[in-house]
């Protein structure tokens, strides 16, 4: 009993009527081969059942057909009930699947994790790197870009590195939310701000401060870190320091959820006594008591847009440095 031999590159070349070198270029994704010849080679590959040697292909093309998505967060945060992280992952995975590429998820929530990511990415084990949830002036995106590795971030790097990024309109979304509160007669509007080492936290606070100041109203701020626990602590602080507040903008839906619960425990009615608005529009926002008014950000589309930009860079295309996605105020019963 004999075992059928696997089709060879030479067999594909003979079937397609081209040279072995031409078959190799087509299989390895070269765009220098005329389209009719590419079609003939692909037809021969399909008819013969030829399977390219992926390891050899990587050596020839210096491509791995994989992209890293780096999240400088602890695993407990990424895999929590914060739907921002899975939304970005889902969007990136959808685009990469359509491009026939693999997603490599890397967490860098510790110095050791950060070093591991740097070793892996500078070792050219991936064709490009997506960064989400950057904290502070992280130098890694700029360092990789200077090495010629395609890089795209969610949000502008705070260290000023010239790295392409995609983000949502934080300032515009918050401006609409706070103006809505003012137009509905609220005058003691507080905010539970996000972390000030992240672009999202910085710009959402900026939108609140600008709008409140323009209206001649007092700035009332407590700080959180986008989690429920921090939202509870910040809401208690605001009630203690400003018991006459009549509205709260929370920089994330999870902090807004906590604010609703804390206000209820304090005997404050929402929205009669205190209106509440969040940011994100996670799935549970429509099911809080009362349903949460919030700023919707297109989080899955953010992951997809980041990935599309990265693939364009990897293909040698010119892209714009910054791409901004719109946000939308979703009015429900909490405000």
Protein backbone atom coordinates (compact mmCIF):
# COMPACT_ATOMS: atom_id res chain seq x y z
CA UNK A 1 0.00 0.00 0.00
CA UNK A 2 1.49 3.31 -1.10
CA UNK A 3 0.89 6.74 0.38
CA UNK A 4 -0.14 9.45 -2.09
CA UNK A 5 2.52 12.09 -2.48
CA UNK A 6 1.69 15.67 -1.59
CA UNK A 7 1.50 17.98 -4.63
CA UNK A 8 4.70 19.93 -5.13
CA UNK A 9 5.43 23.46 -6.26
CA UNK A 10 6.76 22.02 -9.50
CA UNK A 11 3.47 20.19 -10.13
CA UNK A 12 1.52 23.42 -9.63
CA UNK A 13 3.88 25.25 -12.01
CA UNK A 14 3.42 22.57 -14.69
CA UNK A 15 -0.38 22.61 -14.32
CA UNK A 16 -0.53 26.43 -14.49
CA UNK A 17 2.00 26.62 -17.34
CA UNK A 18 4.33 28.98 -15.48
CA UNK A 19 7.70 28.83 -13.79
CA UNK A 20 8.29 27.56 -10.26
CA UNK A 21 9.41 31.07 -9.26
CA UNK A 22 6.12 32.53 -10.45
CA UNK A 23 4.13 30.02 -8.40
CA UNK A 24 6.25 30.88 -5.37
CA UNK A 25 5.56 34.61 -5.78
CA UNK A 26 1.81 34.07 -6.10
CA UNK A 27 1.63 31.70 -3.12
CA UNK A 28 3.62 34.16 -1.02
CA UNK A 29 1.25 37.02 -1.80
CA UNK A 30 3.31 39.02 -4.28
CA UNK A 31 1.39 41.72 -6.15
CA UNK A 32 3.91 41.89 -9.01
CA UNK A 33 2.35 38.99 -10.92
CA UNK A 34 -0.32 39.80 -13.54
CA UNK A 35 -3.87 38.96 -12.42
CA UNK A 36 -4.60 36.34 -15.17
CA UNK A 37 -1.45 34.45 -14.17
CA UNK A 38 -2.37 34.69 -10.49
CA UNK A 39 -5.78 33.20 -11.31
CA UNK A 40 -4.17 30.35 -13.26
CA UNK A 41 -1.86 29.56 -10.35
CA UNK A 42 -4.68 29.68 -7.80
CA UNK A 43 -6.78 27.38 -9.99
CA UNK A 44 -3.90 24.90 -10.20
CA UNK A 45 -3.36 25.06 -6.44
CA UNK A 46 -7.04 24.31 -5.85
CA UNK A 47 -7.22 21.50 -8.43
CA UNK A 48 -4.11 19.76 -7.08
CA UNK A 49 -4.86 20.42 -3.40
CA UNK A 50 -1.45 22.03 -2.92
CA UNK A 51 -0.77 23.19 0.67
CA UNK A 52 1.97 25.85 1.02
CA UNK A 53 4.69 25.33 3.59
CA UNK A 54 3.81 28.09 6.05
CA UNK A 55 7.17 28.03 7.79
CA UNK A 56 8.99 28.45 4.49
CA UNK A 57 6.54 31.14 3.48
CA UNK A 58 7.30 33.09 6.66
CA UNK A 59 11.03 32.87 5.96
CA UNK A 60 10.62 34.08 2.38
CA UNK A 61 8.07 36.85 3.03
CA UNK A 62 9.14 37.74 6.59
CA UNK A 63 5.45 37.64 7.44
CA UNK A 64 3.81 35.70 10.25
CA UNK A 65 0.17 36.41 9.28
CA UNK A 66 -0.50 37.31 12.93
CA UNK A 67 -1.13 40.57 14.75
CA UNK A 68 -0.66 41.28 18.45
CA UNK A 69 -3.32 43.11 20.45
CA UNK A 70 -1.57 44.47 23.55
CA UNK A 71 -3.59 45.53 26.59
CA UNK A 72 -1.53 47.04 29.45
CA UNK A 73 -4.03 45.77 32.02
CA UNK A 74 -4.27 42.93 34.51
CA UNK A 75 -6.18 39.84 33.41
CA UNK A 76 -8.77 40.47 36.12
CA UNK A 77 -9.59 43.79 34.46
CA UNK A 78 -9.61 42.60 30.85
CA UNK A 79 -11.84 39.63 31.69
CA UNK A 80 -14.20 41.53 33.99
CA UNK A 81 -17.68 42.91 33.30
CA UNK A 82 -16.14 45.95 31.58
CA UNK A 83 -17.34 45.37 28.02
CA UNK A 84 -14.87 47.79 26.45
CA UNK A 85 -12.10 45.17 26.37
CA UNK A 86 -14.08 42.31 24.79
CA UNK A 87 -15.58 44.82 22.34
CA UNK A 88 -12.15 45.83 21.04
CA UNK A 89 -11.04 42.20 20.91
CA UNK A 90 -14.17 41.22 18.97
CA UNK A 91 -13.71 44.02 16.44
CA UNK A 92 -10.04 43.21 15.88
CA UNK A 93 -10.76 39.49 15.56
CA UNK A 94 -13.48 40.10 12.96
CA UNK A 95 -11.18 42.12 10.72
CA UNK A 96 -8.26 39.72 11.08
CA UNK A 97 -10.44 36.70 10.35
CA UNK A 98 -11.62 38.38 7.16
CA UNK A 99 -7.96 39.00 6.24
CA UNK A 100 -7.03 35.38 7.05
CA UNK A 101 -4.72 36.42 9.89
CA UNK A 102 -4.38 35.38 13.52
CA UNK A 103 -4.94 37.51 16.63
CA UNK A 104 -2.40 37.22 19.45
CA UNK A 105 -3.76 38.70 22.69
CA UNK A 106 -1.03 39.94 25.02
CA UNK A 107 -1.58 41.40 28.51
CA UNK A 108 0.99 43.79 29.93
CA UNK A 109 -0.43 44.74 33.31
CA UNK A 110 2.91 44.34 35.12
CA UNK A 111 6.55 45.30 34.43
CA UNK A 112 7.31 41.65 33.65
CA UNK A 113 4.38 41.49 31.26
CA UNK A 114 5.49 44.69 29.57
CA UNK A 115 9.02 43.30 29.08
CA UNK A 116 7.61 40.06 27.67
CA UNK A 117 5.52 41.99 25.13
CA UNK A 118 8.55 44.05 24.12
CA UNK A 119 10.70 40.94 23.57
CA UNK A 120 8.01 39.20 21.58
CA UNK A 121 7.11 42.10 19.31
CA UNK A 122 10.65 43.33 18.66
CA UNK A 123 11.53 39.72 17.83
CA UNK A 124 9.24 40.05 14.77
CA UNK A 125 6.92 37.26 15.88
CA UNK A 126 3.97 39.32 14.62
CA UNK A 127 3.38 41.50 11.55
CA UNK A 128 2.06 44.44 13.56
CA UNK A 129 0.88 45.55 16.99
CA UNK A 130 -2.38 47.08 18.22
CA UNK A 131 -2.28 48.89 21.56
CA UNK A 132 -5.45 49.39 23.61
CA UNK A 133 -5.90 50.98 27.05
CA UNK A 134 -2.51 52.71 27.23
CA UNK A 135 -1.53 54.20 30.58
CA UNK A 136 0.79 57.17 31.01
CA UNK A 137 3.69 57.91 28.68
CA UNK A 138 4.31 54.33 27.59
CA UNK A 139 7.33 54.45 25.22
CA UNK A 140 6.75 51.04 23.62
CA UNK A 141 4.43 52.06 20.74
CA UNK A 142 6.87 54.74 19.57
CA UNK A 143 9.85 52.41 19.98
CA UNK A 144 8.24 49.70 17.83
CA UNK A 145 7.21 52.21 15.18
CA UNK A 146 10.79 53.49 14.92
CA UNK A 147 11.90 49.89 14.30
CA UNK A 148 9.58 49.75 11.30
CA UNK A 149 6.96 47.56 12.96
CA UNK A 150 3.39 48.62 12.02
CA UNK A 151 1.68 50.04 15.13
CA UNK A 152 -1.78 51.53 15.76
CA UNK A 153 -3.07 52.72 19.15
CA UNK A 154 -6.54 53.31 20.56
CA UNK A 155 -6.16 56.94 21.56
CA UNK A 156 -3.20 59.27 21.06
CA UNK A 157 -0.01 58.21 22.87
CA UNK A 158 0.55 60.53 25.82
CA UNK A 159 4.32 60.59 25.24
CA UNK A 160 3.75 62.46 21.97
CA UNK A 161 5.05 59.63 19.77
CA UNK A 162 4.15 59.97 16.09
CA UNK A 163 2.12 56.77 16.01
CA UNK A 164 -1.20 56.39 14.13
CA UNK A 165 -4.22 56.08 16.38
CA UNK A 166 -7.98 55.61 16.29
CA UNK A 167 -10.25 56.98 19.00
CA UNK A 168 -13.80 58.06 19.74
CA UNK A 169 -14.96 61.64 20.27
CA UNK A 170 -14.75 61.72 24.07
CA UNK A 171 -14.96 65.51 24.40
CA UNK A 172 -17.89 65.85 22.01
CA UNK A 173 -19.84 63.06 23.68
CA UNK A 174 -19.40 64.50 27.16
CA UNK A 175 -20.23 68.01 25.94
CA UNK A 176 -23.58 66.79 24.61
CA UNK A 177 -24.31 64.94 27.86
CA UNK A 178 -23.56 67.90 30.15
CA UNK A 179 -25.42 70.36 27.91
CA UNK A 180 -28.43 68.06 28.04
CA UNK A 181 -28.35 68.23 31.84
CA UNK A 182 -28.06 72.02 31.79
CA UNK A 183 -30.89 72.38 29.27
CA UNK A 184 -33.07 70.32 31.62
CA UNK A 185 -32.49 72.69 34.53
CA UNK A 186 -29.63 71.00 36.39
CA UNK A 187 -27.23 73.46 38.02
CA UNK A 188 -25.16 71.42 40.50
CA UNK A 189 -23.65 68.92 38.08
CA UNK A 190 -20.82 66.76 39.42
CA UNK A 191 -18.60 64.29 37.60
CA UNK A 192 -16.97 61.01 38.52
CA UNK A 193 -13.86 61.35 36.36
CA UNK A 194 -11.79 58.51 34.97
CA UNK A 195 -8.04 57.90 35.54
CA UNK A 196 -5.89 60.82 34.47
CA UNK A 197 -3.13 58.64 33.03
CA UNK A 198 -5.41 57.55 30.17
CA UNK A 199 -6.61 59.57 27.19
CA UNK A 200 -10.23 58.57 27.78
CA UNK A 201 -10.12 59.79 31.37
CA UNK A 202 -8.33 63.02 30.48
CA UNK A 203 -10.57 63.97 27.56
CA UNK A 204 -13.86 63.10 29.26
CA UNK A 205 -12.90 65.32 32.19
CA UNK A 206 -11.88 68.03 29.71
CA UNK A 207 -15.31 67.88 28.06
CA UNK A 208 -17.02 68.21 31.44
CA UNK A 209 -14.83 71.09 32.67
CA UNK A 210 -15.14 73.07 29.44
CA UNK A 211 -18.93 72.78 29.28
CA UNK A 212 -19.49 73.51 32.98
CA UNK A 213 -17.14 76.50 32.91
CA UNK A 214 -18.77 77.95 29.79
CA UNK A 215 -22.13 77.75 31.57
CA UNK A 216 -20.75 79.54 34.66
CA UNK A 217 -21.49 76.57 36.92
CA UNK A 218 -19.30 75.12 39.70
CA UNK A 219 -16.87 72.31 38.85
CA UNK A 220 -17.51 69.35 41.19
CA UNK A 221 -15.11 66.44 40.67
CA UNK A 222 -14.34 63.10 42.30
CA UNK A 223 -12.02 60.56 40.69
CA UNK A 224 -12.44 56.89 39.86
CA UNK A 225 -10.75 54.31 37.63
CA UNK A 226 -13.71 53.18 35.46
CA UNK A 227 -14.62 50.35 37.90
CA UNK A 228 -17.77 49.86 40.00
CA UNK A 229 -15.80 49.98 43.24
CA UNK A 230 -14.26 53.35 42.42
CA UNK A 231 -17.67 54.66 41.32
CA UNK A 232 -19.15 53.78 44.71
CA UNK A 233 -16.34 55.55 46.60
CA UNK A 234 -16.50 58.63 44.35
CA UNK A 235 -20.29 58.93 44.64
CA UNK A 236 -20.09 58.76 48.42
CA UNK A 237 -17.42 61.45 48.36
CA UNK A 238 -19.55 63.72 46.18
CA UNK A 239 -22.59 63.30 48.42
CA UNK A 240 -20.50 64.14 51.48
CA UNK A 241 -18.83 67.20 49.91
CA UNK A 242 -21.74 68.46 47.79
CA UNK A 243 -25.02 67.23 49.31
CA UNK A 244 -26.99 69.66 47.13
CA UNK A 245 -25.81 68.19 43.81
CA UNK A 246 -28.61 67.53 41.32
CA UNK A 247 -26.81 65.63 38.54
CA UNK A 248 -23.81 63.35 38.00
CA UNK A 249 -21.90 62.56 34.84
CA UNK A 250 -19.86 59.38 35.33
CA UNK A 251 -17.01 58.76 32.87
CA UNK A 252 -17.94 55.08 32.48
CA UNK A 253 -21.14 53.07 32.67
CA UNK A 254 -19.74 50.84 35.42
CA UNK A 255 -19.10 53.89 37.60
CA UNK A 256 -22.57 55.18 36.69
CA UNK A 257 -24.11 51.84 37.76
CA UNK A 258 -22.38 52.21 41.12
CA UNK A 259 -23.57 55.81 41.41
CA UNK A 260 -27.19 54.72 40.88
CA UNK A 261 -26.92 52.16 43.65
CA UNK A 262 -25.18 54.56 46.03
CA UNK A 263 -27.77 57.28 45.43
CA UNK A 264 -30.57 54.80 46.08
CA UNK A 265 -28.93 53.72 49.33
CA UNK A 266 -28.66 57.40 50.33
CA UNK A 267 -32.38 57.94 49.76
CA UNK A 268 -31.93 60.04 46.60
CA UNK A 269 -34.40 59.48 43.77
CA UNK A 270 -33.14 59.20 40.19
CA UNK A 271 -33.85 61.30 38.20
CA UNK A 272 -36.19 63.37 40.41
CA UNK A 273 -33.48 64.37 42.91
CA UNK A 274 -30.30 63.54 40.97
CA UNK A 275 -29.95 62.84 37.25
CA UNK A 276 -27.24 60.37 36.19
CA UNK A 277 -25.48 59.95 32.84
CA UNK A 278 -22.75 57.43 32.01
CA UNK A 279 -20.39 56.78 29.11
CA UNK A 280 -20.00 53.60 26.98
CA UNK A 281 -23.55 52.24 26.52
CA UNK A 282 -22.65 48.73 27.61
CA UNK A 283 -25.38 46.10 27.24
CA UNK A 284 -26.57 46.37 30.85
CA UNK A 285 -27.09 50.15 30.61
CA UNK A 286 -30.65 49.62 29.34
CA UNK A 287 -31.47 47.33 32.27
CA UNK A 288 -30.40 49.35 35.31
CA UNK A 289 -33.00 50.86 37.63
CA UNK A 290 -33.84 53.28 36.15
CA UNK A 291 -32.41 52.62 32.66
CA UNK A 292 -29.21 54.60 32.22
CA UNK A 293 -28.83 57.62 29.96
CA UNK A 294 -25.34 57.34 28.49
CA UNK A 295 -22.93 58.32 25.74
CA UNK A 296 -22.63 55.48 23.23
CA UNK A 297 -19.16 54.80 21.84
CA UNK A 298 -18.76 52.39 18.89
CA UNK A 299 -16.36 50.10 20.72
CA UNK A 300 -16.48 47.11 18.34
CA UNK A 301 -16.00 49.46 15.39
CA UNK A 302 -13.02 50.97 17.24
CA UNK A 303 -11.34 47.55 17.27
CA UNK A 304 -12.19 47.01 13.61
CA UNK A 305 -10.98 50.47 12.52
CA UNK A 306 -7.68 50.06 14.40
CA UNK A 307 -7.11 46.74 12.67
CA UNK A 308 -7.98 48.05 9.21
CA UNK A 309 -5.50 50.89 9.67
CA UNK A 310 -2.80 48.46 10.78
CA UNK A 311 -3.36 46.19 7.77
CA UNK A 312 -3.09 49.19 5.48
CA UNK A 313 0.25 50.15 7.03
CA UNK A 314 1.49 46.57 6.66
CA UNK A 315 0.48 46.65 2.99
CA UNK A 316 2.56 49.79 2.46
CA UNK A 317 -0.38 52.19 2.16
CA UNK A 318 -0.41 55.76 3.43
CA UNK A 319 -2.96 56.39 6.20
CA UNK A 320 -4.06 59.40 8.18
CA UNK A 321 -2.34 59.89 11.54
CA UNK A 322 -5.59 60.19 13.53
CA UNK A 323 -9.01 58.67 12.86
CA UNK A 324 -11.90 59.81 15.06
CA UNK A 325 -15.17 57.88 15.46
CA UNK A 326 -18.40 59.64 16.51
CA UNK A 327 -20.21 59.24 19.83
CA UNK A 328 -23.94 59.56 20.49
CA UNK A 329 -26.04 60.57 23.52
CA UNK A 330 -28.61 57.84 24.29
CA UNK A 331 -31.39 59.26 26.47
CA UNK A 332 -33.13 56.89 28.86
CA UNK A 333 -34.91 57.38 32.19
CA UNK A 334 -32.00 58.23 34.52
CA UNK A 335 -31.74 61.81 33.18
